[in-house]
Protein backbone atom coordinates (compact mmCIF):
# COMPACT_ATOMS: atom_id res chain seq x y z
CA MET A 1 111.67 174.99 140.96
CA THR A 2 108.33 173.78 142.32
CA ALA A 3 106.69 175.06 145.46
CA PRO A 4 106.72 172.77 148.51
CA THR A 5 103.60 170.70 149.05
CA LEU A 6 101.65 170.49 152.28
CA ALA A 7 103.21 167.06 152.91
CA ASP A 8 106.69 168.61 152.74
CA ARG A 9 105.88 170.64 155.84
CA PHE A 10 105.55 167.51 158.02
CA PRO A 11 108.44 165.39 159.34
CA ALA A 12 109.18 162.17 157.43
CA ASP A 13 108.30 159.95 160.42
CA MET A 14 104.89 161.63 160.75
CA ARG A 15 104.19 161.14 157.02
CA ALA A 16 105.22 157.47 157.26
CA ALA A 17 102.93 156.89 160.25
CA PHE A 18 100.02 158.54 158.43
CA CYS A 19 100.56 156.33 155.37
CA ALA A 20 100.81 153.21 157.51
CA ARG A 21 97.38 154.01 159.00
CA GLN A 22 95.61 155.14 155.83
CA VAL A 23 97.08 153.14 152.93
CA ARG A 24 95.48 149.73 153.43
CA THR A 25 93.45 147.29 151.37
CA GLY A 26 90.04 148.75 150.56
CA ALA A 27 91.02 152.38 151.16
CA VAL A 28 89.60 154.85 148.63
CA PHE A 29 91.29 158.14 147.72
CA ARG A 30 90.28 161.03 145.46
CA LEU A 31 93.43 162.55 144.03
CA PHE A 32 94.84 164.62 141.21
CA VAL A 33 96.85 162.46 138.79
CA ASP A 34 99.37 164.18 136.53
CA THR A 35 100.38 160.99 134.69
CA THR A 36 97.22 160.97 132.56
CA ASN A 37 96.63 162.99 129.40
CA PRO A 38 95.19 165.44 130.27
CA PRO A 39 95.99 165.46 134.01
CA LYS A 40 92.79 165.00 136.03
CA ILE A 41 91.16 163.96 139.28
CA LYS A 42 90.67 160.21 139.68
CA ILE A 43 89.42 157.84 142.34
CA MET A 44 92.06 155.34 143.49
CA VAL A 45 91.21 152.11 145.32
CA ILE A 46 93.94 150.17 147.13
CA LEU A 47 93.52 146.52 146.09
CA ALA A 48 96.42 144.98 148.03
CA THR A 49 99.54 145.94 149.94
CA SER A 50 102.80 144.18 150.74
CA ASN A 51 105.79 145.17 152.81
CA ASP A 52 108.72 142.76 152.76
CA GLY A 53 110.91 144.92 154.99
CA ARG A 54 112.71 146.62 152.09
CA ASP A 55 109.97 147.82 149.78
CA ALA A 56 106.36 148.80 150.37
CA ILE A 57 104.15 147.90 147.41
CA ALA A 58 100.52 148.78 146.74
CA ALA A 59 98.30 147.50 143.93
CA CYS A 60 95.89 150.27 142.92
CA LEU A 61 92.91 150.69 140.64
CA TYR A 62 92.13 154.07 139.07
CA VAL A 63 88.48 154.86 138.45
CA ASN A 64 87.37 157.62 136.08
CA THR A 65 85.40 160.30 137.90
CA ASP A 66 83.76 161.59 134.69
CA ILE A 67 81.61 159.49 132.39
CA ASN A 68 83.00 159.15 128.86
CA THR A 69 80.14 160.13 126.54
CA ASN A 70 81.73 158.36 123.57
C-alpha cells in the first residue's frame, strides 16, 4: 500500500480547479517521472490541450534535465 500524496489531501473539486488554471498551453512543469528507466526528474511543456466535454487531453513534451555526455 502506498502512502497518500499531498494531492490526496485536497478535495477533488479543488484539484480540478487548480488543474484548470495551471494546465494550459505553454505551461512548464518540473516533475518526477517514474515511467522512465531509471525514474528521474524531467521538464514537461504543455504543447496543446483539448476538452470535448468527456475527456481532457494534453499533448506534452518531456525535456531531459541532465545533459547526456554520450
